[in-house]
Amino acid sequence: MHYFLAYDVGTSSVKSILVDEAGTILVSAIEDYPLHMPNPGWVEQVPIDYWNAICKATKRLVADAAIQPQQIKGIAFTTQAMGIIPVNKQGEVLYPNISWVDGRAEKQAISTMRRIGGKAVFKQIAGVEITGKDVVPKLVWLKENRPDIFNNTYKFLDVNGYLKYKCTDRMTAEWSGACSYSFNLKSKDWERLFFKLAGVGTDKLPDLVRSIDEVGKLTEQAAVEMGLCEGIPVYGGCDDTQSAAVGTTAICEGEAHIYVGTSAWVGVMTKDAKSFRNGTFCLQSADPNMNIVVGITESAGVNTEWLLSAFYTHEKQSLSTSALFGLLEDEVKQIPAGSEYLVVTPWFLGERCPVSTTTTRSTIFNLSHQHTRAHIARAHFEGIAYNLRWTIQNMERDFGFKIDALKVTGGGTYNNTWMQIIADVTQRKIISTSQPKNAGALGAAMCAMVGSGTFKEFKEIKKLIRQKDVFIPDANNKKVYDTLFASYQQVFQQLNRTYQVINKTRFEL
């Protein structure tokens, strides 16, 4: 029997799995690592923390499964997108990973768009304005503010590329990950003209590979650190959005999925190379023959952590994690749909979709003495659902999709009350699979399986993944959620300019 190792490297932890050739997860492991915020609007991570967590998790997986390292047939990673890890020719990291939620490069985003004719012209060409969270403005920021780092960089790697380098000594960028930098979906190459106009060029970008390509084999040093055998094939893998689609089997034309974890997103599969619109964007899928339209809500589960720290301090100290989340769900269940007309927006870190903004922050709207922490908690879950509904509606209008059902994955799927809220708010069927927390890692494993020839094409995986729960919209809640959804949109429209003014100095924009 042969097995595959796959890793889902997220914002706060790596979820690691060992999978057999039938797609069954034998064992899993989670290892955490820190997030650093050295300045307002800055979010960084230390790349070696990813690698150390992966090595620790790998040893646990092999030991818990009681298998021999020689039985490992392939390795693949799925990772958070939009990472910028500058390395020298020796592969030494020169600066922390500038995370996908880091918004430091707003000035550079504006100046980059000016070079290409201004916001209006740029939006017409690209489909959407870029922000300080996008990769190219961050590259420009490094060039302007840390020329010592920029000039000494041999290659800029994303998180996936960095981990594949640690495994194989080869510097590459996988197609789906390259999309967050700037990737031409038709030519399957870097958008070289855009990089040139932005003033950063493409000479510091690595070679491109597909998700199913064998990038290299595990080196002797990597094998020792991971507790494995030298020579195991390492495959291209993909970004987290694409692996979630594979892991939920939402992989055919028009099929949609939702991820609810640290962040949240909606993804819809398509063969077309569609343009960016209203904060949504079209990316290369894990399947080299498909693309995926994606709209990302930047804050979801991370807001739940804040909620627990702010309103459940005593319980957080005295209860286990599972008991704490159980208490939270029980309290939310007692609050009626609409939270007594309380609205909480999820924009703790700004937002990318359905609105694109670096400066906007969360708002608790229409608060009164009748509201308790449980009302705020339910309104928090509803707010994320409003964001998803707004994104879905934009996708249907802008791209012609008809989305009746969405497969869901991520840690949030274990909260059945939240899943029902999403179904009620969006008025669409929500379907969870049997391994929602590990769907991303499973998607990466499937890339390795197709690459190794275990499966001939991605469609074959549909028979491997089972449906777990189905949440049907409650028509009785439609009226209140329609009303509050309209109010939710108005909160952004009315306050966006105010947020720009109040946070301009705060974020040094």
Protein backbone atom coordinates (compact mmCIF):
# COMPACT_ATOMS: atom_id res chain seq x y z
CA MET A 1 0.00 0.00 0.00
CA HIS A 2 1.20 3.48 -0.90
CA TYR A 3 0.25 6.81 0.66
CA PHE A 4 0.33 10.54 -0.01
CA LEU A 5 1.24 13.35 2.37
CA ALA A 6 -0.62 16.63 1.95
CA TYR A 7 -0.47 19.91 3.85
CA ASP A 8 -2.91 22.81 4.08
CA VAL A 9 -0.77 25.75 5.20
CA GLY A 10 -3.17 28.42 6.38
CA THR A 11 -2.94 31.73 8.19
CA SER A 12 -2.73 30.30 11.70
CA SER A 13 -1.82 26.61 11.33
CA VAL A 14 -0.93 23.75 9.04
CA LYS A 15 -3.41 20.90 8.68
CA SER A 16 -1.58 17.76 7.62
CA ILE A 17 -3.01 14.45 6.41
CA LEU A 18 -1.86 11.02 5.31
CA VAL A 19 -4.07 9.62 2.54
CA ASP A 20 -4.19 6.19 0.93
CA GLU A 21 -4.67 5.61 -2.81
CA ALA A 22 -8.45 5.37 -2.35
CA GLY A 23 -8.58 8.91 -0.96
CA THR A 24 -9.16 7.82 2.64
CA ILE A 25 -7.59 9.99 5.32
CA LEU A 26 -5.80 7.66 7.73
CA VAL A 27 -4.46 10.24 10.19
CA SER A 28 -4.30 13.99 10.51
CA ALA A 29 -2.34 16.53 12.56
CA ILE A 30 -2.48 20.27 13.21
CA GLU A 31 0.44 22.50 14.18
CA ASP A 32 0.08 26.21 14.95
CA TYR A 33 2.42 29.12 14.25
CA PRO A 34 2.19 32.84 15.08
CA LEU A 35 1.02 35.85 13.12
CA HIS A 36 2.96 39.10 13.59
CA MET A 37 1.58 42.65 13.28
CA PRO A 38 4.58 44.96 13.75
CA ASN A 39 2.76 48.08 12.49
CA PRO A 40 -0.88 49.07 11.84
CA GLY A 41 -2.05 47.38 8.66
CA TRP A 42 1.01 45.09 8.53
CA VAL A 43 0.66 41.32 8.84
CA GLU A 44 3.77 39.10 8.60
CA GLN A 45 4.87 35.54 9.28
CA VAL A 46 8.28 33.91 9.61
CA PRO A 47 8.63 31.31 6.80
CA ILE A 48 10.74 28.88 8.82
CA ASP A 49 7.77 28.58 11.22
CA TYR A 50 5.80 26.94 8.38
CA TRP A 51 8.58 24.47 7.72
CA ASN A 52 9.13 23.59 11.38
CA ALA A 53 5.39 22.97 11.82
CA ILE A 54 5.34 20.74 8.73
CA CYS A 55 8.32 18.69 9.89
CA LYS A 56 6.78 18.20 13.33
CA ALA A 57 3.40 17.23 11.86
CA THR A 58 4.98 14.80 9.39
CA LYS A 59 6.74 12.84 12.10
CA ARG A 60 3.46 12.61 14.01
CA LEU A 61 1.56 11.37 10.96
CA VAL A 62 4.04 8.62 10.12
CA ALA A 63 4.24 7.49 13.75
CA ASP A 64 0.46 7.54 14.31
CA ALA A 65 -0.24 5.64 11.08
CA ALA A 66 2.50 3.10 11.87
CA ILE A 67 3.72 3.05 8.26
CA GLN A 68 7.19 3.02 6.74
CA PRO A 69 8.46 6.23 5.09
CA GLN A 70 9.22 4.15 2.00
CA GLN A 71 5.47 3.80 1.47
CA ILE A 72 5.01 7.53 0.77
CA LYS A 73 4.32 7.97 -2.94
CA GLY A 74 4.02 11.75 -3.15
CA ILE A 75 3.90 15.09 -1.32
CA ALA A 76 1.87 18.20 -2.10
CA PHE A 77 1.05 21.53 -0.46
CA THR A 78 -1.90 23.86 -0.58
CA THR A 79 -1.20 27.23 0.93
CA GLN A 80 -2.53 30.68 1.67
CA ALA A 81 -2.26 32.83 -1.43
CA MET A 82 -0.46 36.12 -2.09
CA GLY A 83 2.64 35.44 -0.04
CA ILE A 84 5.84 37.35 -0.76
CA ILE A 85 8.96 35.64 0.52
CA PRO A 86 12.20 37.14 -0.87
CA VAL A 87 15.13 34.71 -0.97
CA ASN A 88 18.72 35.00 -2.17
CA LYS A 89 20.42 32.60 -4.56
CA GLN A 90 21.23 30.28 -1.66
CA GLY A 91 17.56 30.15 -0.68
CA GLU A 92 18.03 32.21 2.47
CA VAL A 93 14.95 34.22 3.48
CA LEU A 94 15.67 37.96 3.42
CA TYR A 95 12.39 39.26 4.87
CA PRO A 96 9.29 37.80 6.58
CA ASN A 97 6.38 36.65 4.46
CA ILE A 98 4.18 39.67 3.75
CA SER A 99 0.81 38.02 4.29
CA TRP A 100 -2.26 38.19 2.09
CA VAL A 101 -4.07 40.37 4.67
CA ASP A 102 -1.22 42.91 4.87
CA GLY A 103 -2.40 46.28 3.51
CA ARG A 104 0.79 48.35 3.77
CA ALA A 105 1.13 49.07 0.05
CA GLU A 106 -1.92 51.31 -0.54
CA LYS A 107 0.21 54.23 -1.77
CA GLN A 108 2.03 51.89 -4.14
CA ALA A 109 -1.28 50.52 -5.44
CA ILE A 110 -2.41 54.05 -6.30
CA SER A 111 0.91 54.97 -7.93
CA THR A 112 0.95 51.73 -9.95
CA MET A 113 -2.53 52.44 -11.32
CA ARG A 114 -1.45 56.01 -12.19
CA ARG A 115 1.44 54.64 -14.27
CA ILE A 116 -1.14 52.73 -16.31
CA GLY A 117 -3.51 55.64 -16.92
CA GLY A 118 -5.20 56.14 -13.53
CA LYS A 119 -7.86 54.23 -11.59
CA ALA A 120 -10.55 54.44 -14.27
CA VAL A 121 -8.31 53.24 -17.09
CA PHE A 122 -6.74 50.54 -14.94
CA LYS A 123 -10.15 49.29 -13.81
CA GLN A 124 -11.29 49.07 -17.42
CA ILE A 125 -8.20 47.05 -18.36
CA ALA A 126 -7.99 44.81 -15.30
CA GLY A 127 -11.65 44.74 -14.24
CA VAL A 128 -10.98 45.91 -10.68
CA GLU A 129 -8.77 48.39 -8.87
CA ILE A 130 -5.80 46.95 -7.02
CA THR A 131 -5.26 47.70 -3.33
CA GLY A 132 -2.44 47.72 -0.85
CA LYS A 133 -3.09 44.04 -0.21
CA ASP A 134 -2.24 42.96 -3.74
CA VAL A 135 1.12 41.41 -4.54
CA VAL A 136 2.51 43.78 -7.16
CA PRO A 137 2.02 46.92 -4.99
CA LYS A 138 3.78 45.04 -2.17
CA LEU A 139 6.70 44.32 -4.50
CA VAL A 140 6.81 48.02 -5.34
CA TRP A 141 6.71 48.81 -1.60
CA LEU A 142 9.75 46.61 -1.03
CA LYS A 143 11.59 48.25 -3.91
CA GLU A 144 10.87 51.74 -2.56
CA ASN A 145 11.16 51.15 1.18
CA ARG A 146 13.62 48.25 1.44
CA PRO A 147 15.79 48.51 -1.68
CA ASP A 148 18.45 46.49 0.15
CA ILE A 149 16.00 43.57 0.33
CA PHE A 150 14.62 44.02 -3.18
CA ASN A 151 18.01 44.32 -4.87
CA ASN A 152 19.47 41.31 -3.06
CA THR A 153 16.46 39.10 -3.83
CA TYR A 154 17.14 36.31 -6.32
CA LYS A 155 13.52 35.12 -6.43
CA PHE A 156 10.22 36.06 -4.81
CA LEU A 157 8.41 32.92 -3.67
CA ASP A 158 4.91 32.42 -2.37
CA VAL A 159 4.33 30.09 0.59
CA ASN A 160 3.84 27.05 -1.65
CA GLY A 161 6.96 27.88 -3.64
CA TYR A 162 9.00 28.32 -0.46
CA LEU A 163 7.92 24.94 0.91
CA LYS A 164 8.58 23.16 -2.38
CA TYR A 165 12.03 24.76 -2.39
CA LYS A 166 12.67 23.47 1.14
CA CYS A 167 11.77 20.00 -0.12
CA THR A 168 13.51 19.94 -3.49
CA ASP A 169 16.00 22.86 -3.73
CA ARG A 170 14.08 24.03 -6.82
CA MET A 171 12.44 27.49 -6.95
CA THR A 172 9.08 27.46 -8.72
CA ALA A 173 5.63 29.04 -8.77
CA GLU A 174 2.53 26.94 -9.44
CA TRP A 175 -0.06 28.29 -11.90
CA SER A 176 -2.84 28.97 -9.37
CA GLY A 177 -0.45 30.68 -6.96
CA ALA A 178 0.97 32.78 -9.79
CA CYS A 179 -2.51 34.25 -10.31
CA SER A 180 -2.22 36.27 -7.10
CA TYR A 181 0.94 37.86 -8.52
CA SER A 182 -0.38 38.40 -12.05
CA PHE A 183 -0.84 35.46 -14.41
CA ASN A 184 -2.25 35.33 -17.93
CA LEU A 185 -4.90 32.61 -17.99
CA LYS A 186 -4.74 32.27 -21.77
CA SER A 187 -0.99 32.18 -22.36
CA LYS A 188 -0.27 30.44 -19.01
CA ASP A 189 2.57 32.84 -18.34
CA TRP A 190 3.35 35.83 -16.14
CA GLU A 191 1.62 39.09 -17.14
CA ARG A 192 4.99 40.42 -18.18
CA LEU A 193 3.77 43.81 -19.44
CA PHE A 194 2.02 44.58 -16.15
CA PHE A 195 5.15 43.78 -14.12
CA LYS A 196 7.19 45.96 -16.50
CA LEU A 197 4.79 48.90 -16.24
CA ALA A 198 4.75 48.54 -12.45
CA GLY A 199 8.53 48.85 -12.45
CA VAL A 200 9.40 45.50 -10.89
CA GLY A 201 9.86 43.25 -13.95
CA THR A 202 9.77 39.44 -13.99
CA ASP A 203 13.45 38.57 -13.64
CA LYS A 204 12.96 37.88 -9.91
CA LEU A 205 10.00 35.52 -10.47
CA PRO A 206 10.55 31.74 -10.53
CA ASP A 207 9.76 29.16 -13.21
CA LEU A 208 6.11 28.16 -13.57
CA VAL A 209 4.72 24.66 -12.97
CA ARG A 210 1.26 23.05 -12.92
CA SER A 211 -0.45 21.62 -9.84
CA ILE A 212 0.04 18.07 -11.13
CA ASP A 213 3.67 18.44 -12.23
CA GLU A 214 6.44 16.65 -10.37
CA VAL A 215 8.59 19.58 -9.28
CA GLY A 216 11.42 17.47 -7.89
CA LYS A 217 12.26 14.85 -5.32
CA LEU A 218 12.78 15.16 -1.59
CA THR A 219 16.39 16.03 -0.85
CA GLU A 220 18.49 14.25 1.72
CA GLN A 221 18.39 17.23 4.10
CA ALA A 222 14.62 17.68 3.79
CA ALA A 223 14.10 13.95 4.32
CA VAL A 224 16.09 14.03 7.55
CA GLU A 225 14.18 17.06 8.86
CA MET A 226 10.78 15.55 7.98
CA GLY A 227 11.60 12.03 9.10
CA LEU A 228 11.07 10.64 5.58
CA CYS A 229 13.10 9.00 2.82
CA GLU A 230 15.09 10.83 0.22
CA GLY A 231 13.66 10.79 -3.30
CA ILE A 232 9.89 11.05 -2.64
CA PRO A 233 8.23 12.98 -5.54
CA VAL A 234 6.99 16.48 -4.68
CA TYR A 235 4.14 17.86 -6.80
CA GLY A 236 3.08 21.39 -7.69
CA GLY A 237 0.04 21.58 -5.41
CA CYS A 238 -2.08 24.72 -5.46
CA ASP A 239 -3.49 27.65 -3.50
CA ASP A 240 -6.11 27.12 -0.81
CA THR A 241 -9.13 28.24 -2.83
CA GLN A 242 -8.39 25.80 -5.61
CA SER A 243 -7.70 22.89 -3.27
CA ALA A 244 -10.95 23.54 -1.39
CA ALA A 245 -12.86 23.20 -4.68
CA VAL A 246 -11.16 19.87 -5.36
CA GLY A 247 -11.65 18.67 -1.77
CA THR A 248 -15.41 19.36 -1.95
CA THR A 249 -15.66 17.95 -5.53
CA ALA A 250 -17.03 21.27 -6.80
CA ILE A 251 -14.88 20.80 -9.89
CA CYS A 252 -17.17 20.85 -12.95
CA GLU A 253 -18.57 23.78 -14.92
CA GLY A 254 -20.81 26.01 -12.76
CA GLU A 255 -20.30 24.04 -9.55
CA ALA A 256 -19.81 26.27 -6.49
CA HIS A 257 -18.30 25.96 -3.05
CA ILE A 258 -17.93 28.08 0.08
CA TYR A 259 -14.99 28.02 2.44
CA VAL A 260 -15.61 29.14 6.03
CA GLY A 261 -12.43 29.23 8.08
CA THR A 262 -10.05 32.02 9.13
CA SER A 263 -11.33 33.82 6.04
CA ALA A 264 -14.28 32.91 3.82
CA TRP A 265 -14.87 32.79 0.11
CA VAL A 266 -17.18 31.72 -2.71
CA GLY A 267 -15.71 29.86 -5.69
CA VAL A 268 -17.41 28.82 -8.95
CA MET A 269 -15.79 26.62 -11.60
CA THR A 270 -15.65 27.69 -15.25
CA LYS A 271 -13.68 26.92 -18.41
CA ASP A 272 -13.72 30.59 -19.40
CA ALA A 273 -10.98 33.08 -18.56
CA LYS A 274 -13.26 35.76 -17.15
CA SER A 275 -12.26 39.28 -16.14
CA PHE A 276 -12.19 40.77 -12.65
CA ARG A 277 -15.47 42.37 -11.54
CA ASN A 278 -16.72 43.84 -8.24
CA GLY A 279 -13.89 42.39 -6.24
CA THR A 280 -14.26 38.89 -7.71
CA PHE A 281 -11.50 37.50 -9.86
CA CYS A 282 -10.84 34.56 -12.12
CA LEU A 283 -7.98 32.24 -11.22
CA GLN A 284 -6.36 29.15 -12.61
CA SER A 285 -7.94 26.06 -11.07
CA ALA A 286 -5.99 23.09 -9.71
CA ASP A 287 -7.25 21.31 -12.83
CA PRO A 288 -5.05 22.75 -15.62
CA ASN A 289 -8.08 22.68 -17.95
CA MET A 290 -10.37 24.74 -15.70
CA ASN A 291 -10.54 28.17 -14.06
CA ILE A 292 -12.36 29.34 -10.95
CA VAL A 293 -14.14 32.63 -10.21
CA VAL A 294 -13.53 33.62 -6.57
CA GLY A 295 -14.80 36.25 -4.15
CA ILE A 296 -12.94 36.44 -0.82
CA THR A 297 -14.26 37.66 2.52
CA GLU A 298 -11.06 38.41 4.41
CA SER A 299 -12.29 37.91 7.99
CA ALA A 300 -14.50 35.05 9.21
CA GLY A 301 -13.21 32.60 11.82
CA VAL A 302 -10.56 35.09 12.92
CA ASN A 303 -13.44 37.35 13.98
CA THR A 304 -14.88 34.53 16.07
CA GLU A 305 -11.60 34.37 17.96
CA TRP A 306 -11.91 38.09 18.71
CA LEU A 307 -15.53 37.59 19.78
CA LEU A 308 -14.54 34.91 22.27
CA SER A 309 -11.66 36.98 23.64
CA ALA A 310 -13.83 40.07 24.01
CA PHE A 311 -17.09 38.62 25.38
CA TYR A 312 -16.26 35.14 26.70
CA THR A 313 -13.08 35.87 28.67
CA HIS A 314 -14.01 33.86 31.76
CA GLU A 315 -15.34 30.92 29.79
CA LYS A 316 -12.27 30.92 27.54
CA GLN A 317 -10.06 30.46 30.60
CA SER A 318 -12.14 27.70 32.18
CA LEU A 319 -13.50 25.66 29.25
CA SER A 320 -11.88 23.44 26.64
CA THR A 321 -11.92 24.70 23.04
CA SER A 322 -14.70 22.30 22.02
CA ALA A 323 -16.80 23.18 25.09
CA LEU A 324 -16.31 26.89 24.45
CA PHE A 325 -17.49 26.63 20.85
CA GLY A 326 -20.37 24.46 22.01
CA LEU A 327 -21.42 27.15 24.48
CA LEU A 328 -21.20 29.80 21.77
CA GLU A 329 -23.40 27.81 19.40
CA ASP A 330 -25.94 27.07 22.14
CA GLU A 331 -26.26 30.78 22.97
CA VAL A 332 -26.59 31.77 19.31
CA LYS A 333 -29.39 29.21 18.83
CA GLN A 334 -31.51 31.05 21.40
CA ILE A 335 -31.46 34.33 19.47
CA PRO A 336 -34.05 34.81 16.72
CA ALA A 337 -33.08 35.25 13.09
CA GLY A 338 -31.90 38.82 12.52
CA SER A 339 -30.56 39.19 16.09
CA GLU A 340 -33.34 41.66 17.03
CA TYR A 341 -32.30 43.89 14.08
CA LEU A 342 -28.64 44.07 15.10
CA VAL A 343 -26.07 44.15 12.27
CA VAL A 344 -22.35 43.36 12.67
CA THR A 345 -20.11 43.80 9.64
CA PRO A 346 -17.06 41.48 9.37
CA TRP A 347 -14.51 43.92 7.96
CA PHE A 348 -11.91 43.69 10.75
CA LEU A 349 -9.08 43.56 8.20
CA GLY A 350 -10.65 45.67 5.48
CA GLU A 351 -12.32 43.79 2.65
CA ARG A 352 -11.64 42.41 -0.81
CA CYS A 353 -15.08 41.20 -1.94
CA PRO A 354 -17.90 42.14 -2.54
CA VAL A 355 -16.31 45.53 -1.89
CA SER A 356 -12.63 46.31 -2.20
CA THR A 357 -11.24 48.48 0.60
CA THR A 358 -8.17 48.64 2.79
CA THR A 359 -9.44 51.23 5.28
CA THR A 360 -12.97 50.02 6.18
CA ARG A 361 -13.35 48.27 9.52
CA SER A 362 -16.09 46.39 11.37
CA THR A 363 -19.21 48.12 12.67
CA ILE A 364 -21.77 47.06 15.27
CA PHE A 365 -24.91 48.79 13.99
CA ASN A 366 -28.24 49.42 15.73
CA LEU A 367 -27.08 48.28 19.17
CA SER A 368 -29.51 48.81 22.10
CA HIS A 369 -29.96 47.79 25.73
CA GLN A 370 -31.98 44.74 24.72
CA HIS A 371 -28.97 43.19 23.01
CA THR A 372 -26.68 40.75 24.81
CA ARG A 373 -23.38 39.13 23.92
CA ALA A 374 -25.39 36.32 22.33
CA HIS A 375 -27.07 38.85 20.00
CA ILE A 376 -23.65 40.20 19.00
CA ALA A 377 -22.42 36.64 18.44
CA ARG A 378 -25.34 35.71 16.17
CA ALA A 379 -25.10 39.02 14.32
CA HIS A 380 -21.39 38.29 13.76
CA PHE A 381 -22.25 34.99 12.05
CA GLU A 382 -25.05 36.66 10.09
CA GLY A 383 -22.71 39.45 8.95
CA ILE A 384 -20.36 37.00 7.27
CA ALA A 385 -23.38 35.35 5.65
CA TYR A 386 -24.51 38.76 4.30
CA ASN A 387 -21.07 39.22 2.78
CA LEU A 388 -21.30 35.80 1.10
CA ARG A 389 -24.81 36.57 -0.19
CA TRP A 390 -23.61 39.87 -1.68
CA THR A 391 -20.74 38.05 -3.40
CA ILE A 392 -23.01 35.31 -4.77
CA GLN A 393 -25.46 37.84 -6.18
CA ASN A 394 -22.64 39.77 -7.87
CA MET A 395 -21.29 36.56 -9.42
CA GLU A 396 -24.68 35.59 -10.79
CA ARG A 397 -25.22 39.07 -12.25
CA ASP A 398 -21.70 39.64 -13.59
CA PHE A 399 -20.86 36.17 -14.93
CA GLY A 400 -24.22 34.57 -15.65
CA PHE A 401 -23.90 31.77 -13.08
CA LYS A 402 -26.99 30.18 -11.57
CA ILE A 403 -26.01 29.08 -8.07
CA ASP A 404 -28.66 26.96 -6.34
CA ALA A 405 -26.39 24.98 -4.04
CA LEU A 406 -22.93 25.38 -2.57
CA LYS A 407 -20.64 22.75 -1.10
CA VAL A 408 -18.98 24.02 2.05
CA THR A 409 -15.67 23.33 3.74
CA GLY A 410 -13.49 24.76 6.50
CA GLY A 411 -13.59 24.64 10.28
CA GLY A 412 -16.78 26.73 10.37
CA THR A 413 -18.75 23.81 8.93
CA TYR A 414 -18.71 22.12 12.34
CA ASN A 415 -21.02 24.88 13.57
CA ASN A 416 -24.39 23.64 12.26
CA THR A 417 -26.14 26.80 13.44
CA TRP A 418 -23.78 28.94 11.34
CA MET A 419 -24.36 26.71 8.32
CA GLN A 420 -28.13 27.09 8.71
CA ILE A 421 -27.69 30.86 9.00
CA ILE A 422 -25.73 30.90 5.72
CA ALA A 423 -28.45 28.82 4.04
CA ASP A 424 -31.19 31.15 5.35
CA VAL A 425 -29.37 34.38 4.50
CA THR A 426 -28.31 33.28 1.00
CA GLN A 427 -31.54 31.31 0.36
CA ARG A 428 -29.46 28.51 -1.14
CA LYS A 429 -28.83 24.90 -0.23
CA ILE A 430 -25.58 24.36 1.72
CA ILE A 431 -23.94 20.91 1.51
CA SER A 432 -21.09 19.75 3.75
CA THR A 433 -18.78 16.80 3.08
CA SER A 434 -17.51 14.14 5.44
CA GLN A 435 -14.07 15.79 5.88
CA PRO A 436 -14.79 19.55 5.88
CA LYS A 437 -11.81 20.59 7.98
CA ASN A 438 -9.38 18.62 5.84
CA ALA A 439 -10.92 19.31 2.43
CA GLY A 440 -8.08 21.67 1.50
CA ALA A 441 -5.35 19.19 2.33
CA LEU A 442 -7.35 16.46 0.59
CA GLY A 443 -7.51 18.65 -2.52
CA ALA A 444 -3.71 18.95 -2.49
CA ALA A 445 -3.42 15.18 -2.11
CA MET A 446 -5.66 14.77 -5.17
CA CYS A 447 -3.26 16.97 -7.18
CA ALA A 448 -0.45 14.57 -6.28
CA MET A 449 -2.65 11.57 -7.10
CA VAL A 450 -3.45 12.89 -10.57
CA GLY A 451 0.18 13.87 -11.07
CA SER A 452 1.39 10.40 -10.09
CA GLY A 453 -1.10 8.66 -12.37
CA THR A 454 -3.15 7.19 -9.52
CA PHE A 455 -6.09 8.99 -11.15
CA LYS A 456 -6.20 10.00 -14.80
CA GLU A 457 -8.26 13.18 -14.26
CA PHE A 458 -9.82 15.22 -11.48
CA LYS A 459 -13.37 14.09 -12.26
CA GLU A 460 -12.50 10.64 -10.92
CA ILE A 461 -12.33 11.96 -7.34
CA LYS A 462 -16.09 12.63 -7.19
CA LYS A 463 -16.70 9.01 -6.25
CA LEU A 464 -14.28 9.24 -3.29
CA ILE A 465 -15.80 12.09 -1.22
CA ARG A 466 -19.08 11.59 0.65
CA GLN A 467 -21.79 14.13 1.44
CA LYS A 468 -22.39 14.66 5.17
CA ASP A 469 -25.12 17.26 5.91
CA VAL A 470 -27.53 19.35 3.85
CA PHE A 471 -28.93 22.66 5.12
CA ILE A 472 -32.17 23.79 3.46
CA PRO A 473 -33.13 27.51 3.62
CA ASP A 474 -35.92 28.30 6.08
CA ALA A 475 -38.45 30.38 4.15
CA ASN A 476 -39.78 31.84 7.42
CA ASN A 477 -36.53 33.78 7.86
CA LYS A 478 -36.39 35.23 4.35
CA LYS A 479 -38.21 38.51 5.09
CA VAL A 480 -36.06 39.59 8.04
CA TYR A 481 -32.84 38.63 6.28
CA ASP A 482 -33.84 40.47 3.10
CA THR A 483 -34.44 43.61 5.17
CA LEU A 484 -31.20 43.36 7.11
CA PHE A 485 -29.15 42.48 4.04
CA ALA A 486 -30.23 45.76 2.46
CA SER A 487 -29.26 47.58 5.68
CA TYR A 488 -25.90 45.77 5.68
CA GLN A 489 -25.13 47.11 2.20
CA GLN A 490 -26.14 50.61 3.25
CA VAL A 491 -23.78 50.54 6.24
CA PHE A 492 -20.84 50.19 3.84
CA GLN A 493 -22.16 52.73 1.33
CA GLN A 494 -22.79 55.34 4.03
CA LEU A 495 -19.65 54.82 6.11
CA ASN A 496 -16.96 53.92 3.59
CA ARG A 497 -15.82 57.52 3.09
CA THR A 498 -15.78 58.09 6.85
CA TYR A 499 -13.55 55.03 7.33
CA GLN A 500 -11.17 56.36 4.68
CA VAL A 501 -10.84 59.66 6.53
CA ILE A 502 -10.46 58.25 10.05
CA ASN A 503 -7.95 55.54 9.04
CA LYS A 504 -5.87 57.57 6.59
CA THR A 505 -3.49 58.77 9.29
CA ARG A 506 -3.74 55.57 11.30
CA PHE A 507 -2.49 53.48 8.39
CA GLU A 508 -0.18 56.24 7.08
CA LEU A 509 -1.83 56.21 3.66
